[in-house]
């Protein structure tokens, strides 16, 4: 039986359908595709995009934006920060300390590139040439000798209370602008005649916490990248570091923040008698971490050209008398991509 309410109901349904169609349609835009679930499927898509939810990165978890969802079209995507280095495979299936130590010692004792002219002896203008083992490569193909002769080179020296500044003084006397960072100096000062600046600053692998920095605006701890920005320096021809076991974390920071691209040559003293500041784990995993850091240098274009084993220091490797290893080595690399 048809009642008098049927025309009213039909008109109401027609009005609702027209209202929904008008709300979804926009001039110049096609109506959304109707999937298997109709309008509800489309609405779920919009809700997901607007929610700002993040898609899981490779291997699960969360925190990485979904590829293509956030970067403006037509613009290159900025390279995101790295939070950790890529660990190299274990030296052997047993993951033993012996395997890791042998691989590591072989690596740091084998130069990867020949350097025919080392140190500043051939350029020295004073009577006391630079004391070994701090070495720089002066082969013409790497350009440092040219920079020194034109008095356009810059050396950063990172230390902790060392009185031996013969290398820095020699480089300054030969034409380099030398910046010595040492928190133990009484005050910042300049030796103008020697082109040598002393800074009462410590180079760390992290900047002070903002709350601490606000209370101590003249804090004497900085990351190297922060120092470069504050000083307006874009390049360092030579970076020398003797950081008494902080070198591993500082080196990790230089790798993760791509500061290495601004450095021409590295000469580092490494300490092996203990893992170092904020480096932990089993002995074999510690050595694997050290090795992985040095392999990162190689991937960045750095090649080891000099290795010095300090026999005056205790012959200990992670508190063990093994493999005739010293607790201290000085390693020098040249950046083969330096321009």
Protein backbone atom coordinates (compact mmCIF):
# COMPACT_ATOMS: atom_id res chain seq x y z
CA UNK A 1 0.00 0.00 0.00
CA UNK A 2 1.44 3.38 -0.97
CA UNK A 3 0.93 6.07 1.62
CA UNK A 4 0.97 9.83 1.26
CA UNK A 5 4.35 9.93 3.10
CA UNK A 6 6.28 8.20 0.29
CA UNK A 7 6.71 11.33 -1.93
CA UNK A 8 7.97 13.29 1.07
CA UNK A 9 10.48 10.60 1.98
CA UNK A 10 11.73 10.36 -1.59
CA UNK A 11 12.18 14.12 -1.80
CA UNK A 12 14.14 14.07 1.47
CA UNK A 13 16.49 11.35 0.21
CA UNK A 14 17.01 13.29 -3.04
CA UNK A 15 17.90 16.47 -1.14
CA UNK A 16 20.42 14.62 1.06
CA UNK A 17 22.06 13.05 -2.00
CA UNK A 18 22.37 16.44 -3.73
CA UNK A 19 23.85 17.98 -0.57
CA UNK A 20 26.55 15.29 -0.24
CA UNK A 21 27.41 15.56 -3.94
CA UNK A 22 27.75 19.35 -3.75
CA UNK A 23 29.98 19.15 -0.68
CA UNK A 24 32.41 16.70 -2.30
CA UNK A 25 32.58 18.40 -5.71
CA UNK A 26 34.96 21.35 -6.33
CA UNK A 27 35.34 23.30 -9.60
CA UNK A 28 38.28 22.02 -11.65
CA UNK A 29 38.66 18.88 -9.50
CA UNK A 30 37.41 15.44 -10.32
CA UNK A 31 35.17 13.66 -7.90
CA UNK A 32 37.07 11.19 -5.70
CA UNK A 33 37.22 7.61 -6.90
CA UNK A 34 34.75 5.37 -5.21
CA UNK A 35 36.52 2.35 -3.83
CA UNK A 36 34.98 -0.81 -2.58
CA UNK A 37 33.81 0.94 0.55
CA UNK A 38 32.44 4.03 -1.19
CA UNK A 39 32.67 7.42 0.49
CA UNK A 40 33.87 5.98 3.77
CA UNK A 41 37.04 4.70 2.08
CA UNK A 42 37.88 8.19 0.76
CA UNK A 43 37.31 9.81 4.14
CA UNK A 44 39.69 7.38 5.84
CA UNK A 45 42.40 8.40 3.37
CA UNK A 46 41.96 12.10 4.15
CA UNK A 47 41.94 11.46 7.88
CA UNK A 48 45.24 9.52 7.61
CA UNK A 49 47.04 12.26 5.68
CA UNK A 50 45.88 15.03 7.99
CA UNK A 51 46.69 13.13 11.13
CA UNK A 52 50.43 13.59 10.67
CA UNK A 53 51.03 9.96 11.50
CA UNK A 54 54.42 8.60 10.56
CA UNK A 55 55.14 5.50 8.59
CA UNK A 56 57.56 2.98 10.10
CA UNK A 57 61.14 3.00 8.79
CA UNK A 58 62.72 -0.05 7.26
CA UNK A 59 62.79 -2.82 9.76
CA UNK A 60 59.78 -1.61 11.75
CA UNK A 61 59.33 0.97 14.47
CA UNK A 62 58.15 4.52 13.99
CA UNK A 63 59.47 8.03 13.69
CA UNK A 64 60.44 8.44 10.03
CA UNK A 65 58.08 10.45 7.79
CA UNK A 66 56.45 8.46 5.03
CA UNK A 67 58.48 8.90 1.79
CA UNK A 68 56.96 11.57 -0.41
CA UNK A 69 54.45 12.82 2.14
CA UNK A 70 56.24 15.91 3.43
CA UNK A 71 58.92 17.24 1.06
CA UNK A 72 57.69 19.95 -1.37
CA UNK A 73 57.42 18.69 -4.92
CA UNK A 74 60.21 19.63 -7.26
CA UNK A 75 62.65 20.42 -4.43
CA UNK A 76 65.53 18.20 -3.36
CA UNK A 77 64.98 16.41 -0.08
CA UNK A 78 67.39 17.51 2.66
CA UNK A 79 69.63 14.76 3.95
CA UNK A 80 68.50 13.90 7.45
CA UNK A 81 70.90 13.67 10.38
CA UNK A 82 72.64 10.41 11.15
CA UNK A 83 72.30 9.17 14.69
CA UNK A 84 74.83 6.35 14.62
CA UNK A 85 77.60 5.03 12.43
CA UNK A 86 77.27 1.90 10.33
CA UNK A 87 79.03 -0.96 12.10
CA UNK A 88 81.26 -3.13 9.97
CA UNK A 89 80.63 -6.89 9.86
CA UNK A 90 82.38 -8.89 12.55
CA UNK A 91 85.93 -9.89 11.74
CA UNK A 92 85.00 -13.57 12.02
CA UNK A 93 82.09 -15.88 12.77
CA UNK A 94 83.18 -16.37 16.38
CA UNK A 95 82.92 -12.61 17.08
CA UNK A 96 85.96 -13.07 19.28
CA UNK A 97 88.26 -10.44 20.74
CA UNK A 98 91.28 -12.02 19.06
CA UNK A 99 89.73 -11.70 15.59
CA UNK A 100 88.71 -8.09 16.17
CA UNK A 101 92.06 -7.01 17.62
CA UNK A 102 94.09 -8.60 14.83
CA UNK A 103 91.96 -6.90 12.17
CA UNK A 104 92.13 -3.54 13.95
CA UNK A 105 95.90 -3.60 14.56
CA UNK A 106 96.54 -4.64 10.97
CA UNK A 107 94.38 -1.77 9.76
CA UNK A 108 96.03 0.99 11.81
CA UNK A 109 99.54 -0.29 11.01
CA UNK A 110 99.14 -0.37 7.22
CA UNK A 111 99.41 2.94 5.32
CA UNK A 112 96.82 3.22 2.56
CA UNK A 113 98.56 5.87 0.49
CA UNK A 114 102.18 6.86 -0.03
CA UNK A 115 103.39 10.27 1.11
CA UNK A 116 106.87 11.21 -0.06
CA UNK A 117 107.19 14.46 1.90
CA UNK A 118 105.98 14.41 5.49
CA UNK A 119 106.08 16.91 8.34
CA UNK A 120 107.29 20.50 7.90
CA UNK A 121 111.02 19.79 7.91
CA UNK A 122 111.49 20.81 4.27
CA UNK A 123 109.71 24.11 4.88
CA UNK A 124 111.05 24.91 8.33
CA UNK A 125 112.39 28.42 8.84
CA UNK A 126 113.30 27.95 12.50
CA UNK A 127 116.03 25.85 14.04
CA UNK A 128 113.65 23.33 15.67
CA UNK A 129 111.59 21.40 13.12
CA UNK A 130 108.34 19.78 14.16
CA UNK A 131 108.76 16.94 16.59
CA UNK A 132 107.50 13.53 15.57
CA UNK A 133 105.07 11.80 15.59
CA UNK A 134 102.74 14.60 14.43
CA UNK A 135 102.96 14.41 10.66
CA UNK A 136 101.37 16.21 7.74
CA UNK A 137 101.68 15.25 4.09
CA UNK A 138 103.33 17.89 1.92
CA UNK A 139 103.11 16.17 -1.45
CA UNK A 140 102.12 18.68 -4.12
CA UNK A 141 99.08 16.66 -5.17
CA UNK A 142 97.38 17.42 -1.84
CA UNK A 143 98.06 21.16 -1.84
CA UNK A 144 99.02 21.73 1.80
CA UNK A 145 102.59 22.77 0.94
CA UNK A 146 101.20 25.34 -1.49
CA UNK A 147 98.83 26.68 1.19
CA UNK A 148 101.69 26.98 3.68
CA UNK A 149 103.95 28.82 1.25
CA UNK A 150 101.13 31.27 0.48
CA UNK A 151 100.39 31.65 4.20
CA UNK A 152 96.81 30.54 3.64
CA UNK A 153 96.69 27.34 5.68
CA UNK A 154 94.73 26.88 8.90
CA UNK A 155 95.50 24.39 11.67
CA UNK A 156 93.20 23.47 14.54
CA UNK A 157 94.87 21.78 17.50
CA UNK A 158 92.70 20.07 20.11
CA UNK A 159 94.36 19.24 23.41
CA UNK A 160 93.91 18.72 27.11
CA UNK A 161 96.70 20.27 29.13
CA UNK A 162 99.68 19.27 26.99
CA UNK A 163 102.75 21.48 27.33
CA UNK A 164 104.23 20.23 24.07
CA UNK A 165 103.24 22.78 21.43
CA UNK A 166 106.32 22.40 19.25
CA UNK A 167 104.26 21.16 16.30
CA UNK A 168 101.86 24.11 16.55
CA UNK A 169 104.67 26.65 16.87
CA UNK A 170 106.51 25.16 13.90
CA UNK A 171 103.39 25.25 11.71
CA UNK A 172 102.69 28.85 12.76
CA UNK A 173 106.27 29.90 12.01
CA UNK A 174 105.92 28.33 8.58
CA UNK A 175 102.89 30.44 7.69
CA UNK A 176 99.86 28.64 9.11
CA UNK A 177 97.08 30.30 11.08
CA UNK A 178 97.04 28.08 14.17
CA UNK A 179 94.19 27.81 16.67
CA UNK A 180 94.96 25.86 19.82
CA UNK A 181 91.94 24.73 21.89
CA UNK A 182 92.79 23.79 25.45
CA UNK A 183 90.51 24.32 28.49
CA UNK A 184 93.53 24.29 30.81
CA UNK A 185 95.03 27.58 29.57
CA UNK A 186 94.53 30.41 32.05
CA UNK A 187 93.03 32.77 29.50
CA UNK A 188 92.57 33.16 25.78
CA UNK A 189 95.47 34.99 24.16
CA UNK A 190 97.19 35.56 20.85
CA UNK A 191 100.83 35.25 19.93
CA UNK A 192 100.61 37.60 16.98
CA UNK A 193 104.20 37.24 15.88
CA UNK A 194 103.69 33.48 15.63
CA UNK A 195 100.18 33.51 14.13
CA UNK A 196 99.14 31.37 17.09
CA UNK A 197 95.79 31.77 18.90
CA UNK A 198 95.11 30.08 22.25
CA UNK A 199 91.45 29.48 23.09
CA UNK A 200 90.22 28.43 26.53
CA UNK A 201 87.77 26.00 24.96
CA UNK A 202 87.27 22.27 25.02
CA UNK A 203 86.09 20.41 21.92
CA UNK A 204 83.42 17.88 22.85
CA UNK A 205 81.10 15.53 20.97
CA UNK A 206 78.04 17.49 22.11
CA UNK A 207 77.14 21.08 22.89
CA UNK A 208 76.07 22.05 26.44
CA UNK A 209 72.43 21.44 27.31
CA UNK A 210 70.39 24.60 26.56
CA UNK A 211 69.48 24.97 30.23
CA UNK A 212 73.14 24.84 31.22
CA UNK A 213 74.14 27.16 28.38
CA UNK A 214 71.55 29.72 29.55
CA UNK A 215 73.04 29.75 33.04
CA UNK A 216 76.61 29.74 31.74
CA UNK A 217 76.60 31.75 28.51
CA UNK A 218 80.39 31.59 28.36
CA UNK A 219 80.62 27.82 28.69
CA UNK A 220 83.97 26.55 27.43
CA UNK A 221 82.68 23.34 25.82
CA UNK A 222 81.66 23.16 22.16
CA UNK A 223 81.36 20.74 19.28
CA UNK A 224 83.85 21.37 16.50
CA UNK A 225 81.05 22.15 14.05
CA UNK A 226 79.72 24.80 16.44
CA UNK A 227 83.19 26.35 16.75
CA UNK A 228 83.54 26.54 12.97
CA UNK A 229 80.21 28.34 12.70
CA UNK A 230 81.06 30.77 15.51
CA UNK A 231 84.48 31.56 14.03
CA UNK A 232 83.21 31.78 10.46
CA UNK A 233 85.73 29.18 9.30
CA UNK A 234 84.64 26.95 6.44
CA UNK A 235 87.79 24.88 6.07
CA UNK A 236 90.56 23.44 8.23
CA UNK A 237 93.68 22.36 6.39
CA UNK A 238 94.95 20.27 9.33
CA UNK A 239 93.15 19.00 12.43
CA UNK A 240 95.42 17.69 15.18
CA UNK A 241 93.86 16.03 18.23
CA UNK A 242 95.23 14.62 21.47
CA UNK A 243 92.08 14.23 23.56
CA UNK A 244 93.08 11.57 26.10
CA UNK A 245 90.44 8.95 25.20
CA UNK A 246 87.72 11.41 24.13
CA UNK A 247 88.91 11.06 20.52
CA UNK A 248 86.51 8.21 19.68
CA UNK A 249 83.33 10.13 20.51
CA UNK A 250 84.66 13.35 18.94
CA UNK A 251 85.56 11.46 15.78
CA UNK A 252 82.09 9.89 15.74
CA UNK A 253 80.54 13.37 15.98
CA UNK A 254 82.67 14.65 13.08
CA UNK A 255 81.46 11.72 10.97
CA UNK A 256 77.77 11.98 11.87
CA UNK A 257 77.62 15.75 11.31
CA UNK A 258 79.66 15.69 8.07
CA UNK A 259 82.31 18.02 9.50
CA UNK A 260 85.00 15.86 7.89
CA UNK A 261 84.22 17.39 4.51
CA UNK A 262 85.72 20.64 5.81
CA UNK A 263 89.04 19.05 6.87
CA UNK A 264 92.07 18.43 4.66
CA UNK A 265 94.27 16.30 6.93
CA UNK A 266 93.80 14.57 10.27
CA UNK A 267 96.45 13.60 12.78
CA UNK A 268 94.98 11.89 15.86
CA UNK A 269 96.45 10.23 18.90
CA UNK A 270 94.32 7.21 19.79
CA UNK A 271 94.28 5.45 23.15
CA UNK A 272 93.58 1.74 23.40
CA UNK A 273 94.07 0.86 27.08
CA UNK A 274 90.34 1.30 27.77
CA UNK A 275 87.20 1.84 25.62
CA UNK A 276 87.16 5.62 26.02
CA UNK A 277 84.57 8.08 27.27
CA UNK A 278 80.97 6.88 26.75
CA UNK A 279 82.06 3.83 24.77
CA UNK A 280 80.80 0.60 26.30
CA UNK A 281 80.08 -3.03 25.54
CA UNK A 282 82.05 -6.23 25.40
CA UNK A 283 85.72 -5.95 24.48
CA UNK A 284 85.13 -7.41 21.02
CA UNK A 285 82.24 -5.00 20.31
CA UNK A 286 84.36 -2.03 21.45
CA UNK A 287 87.13 -2.92 19.00
CA UNK A 288 84.55 -3.44 16.27
CA UNK A 289 83.22 0.07 17.00
CA UNK A 290 86.72 1.56 16.77
CA UNK A 291 87.35 -0.23 13.48
CA UNK A 292 84.00 0.92 12.09
CA UNK A 293 84.85 4.56 12.88
CA UNK A 294 88.11 4.31 10.96
CA UNK A 295 86.34 2.63 8.03
CA UNK A 296 83.92 5.58 7.98
CA UNK A 297 86.95 7.83 7.47
CA UNK A 298 87.98 5.70 4.52
CA UNK A 299 84.49 5.94 3.03
CA UNK A 300 84.75 9.74 3.31
CA UNK A 301 87.91 9.72 1.19
CA UNK A 302 90.52 9.79 3.98
CA UNK A 303 93.60 7.61 3.53
CA UNK A 304 96.08 6.67 6.24
CA UNK A 305 99.59 7.78 5.29
CA UNK A 306 101.44 7.51 8.61
CA UNK A 307 101.19 5.34 11.71
CA UNK A 308 103.32 5.72 14.83
CA UNK A 309 103.39 3.16 17.64
CA UNK A 310 104.38 4.78 20.95
CA UNK A 311 106.65 2.32 22.74
CA UNK A 312 107.10 4.69 25.67
CA UNK A 313 103.49 4.10 26.77
CA UNK A 314 102.21 0.95 28.54
CA UNK A 315 101.87 -2.00 26.19
CA UNK A 316 98.22 -2.64 26.98
CA UNK A 317 95.16 -3.20 24.81
CA UNK A 318 91.89 -2.91 26.76
CA UNK A 319 93.86 -3.61 29.95
CA UNK A 320 95.36 -6.76 28.45
CA UNK A 321 98.94 -7.50 27.44
CA UNK A 322 98.15 -9.01 24.05
CA UNK A 323 99.59 -9.04 20.52
CA UNK A 324 102.49 -6.76 21.50
CA UNK A 325 100.14 -3.79 21.11
CA UNK A 326 100.81 -0.35 22.52
CA UNK A 327 98.17 1.61 24.39
CA UNK A 328 98.86 4.66 22.22
CA UNK A 329 99.22 5.26 18.47
CA UNK A 330 99.36 8.42 16.39
CA UNK A 331 97.62 8.15 13.03
CA UNK A 332 97.64 10.62 10.15
CA UNK A 333 95.21 10.74 7.23
CA UNK A 334 94.89 12.89 4.13
CA UNK A 335 91.54 13.74 2.57
CA UNK A 336 91.88 12.67 -1.07
CA UNK A 337 88.71 14.60 -1.97
CA UNK A 338 90.00 17.87 -0.53
CA UNK A 339 89.70 20.87 -2.82
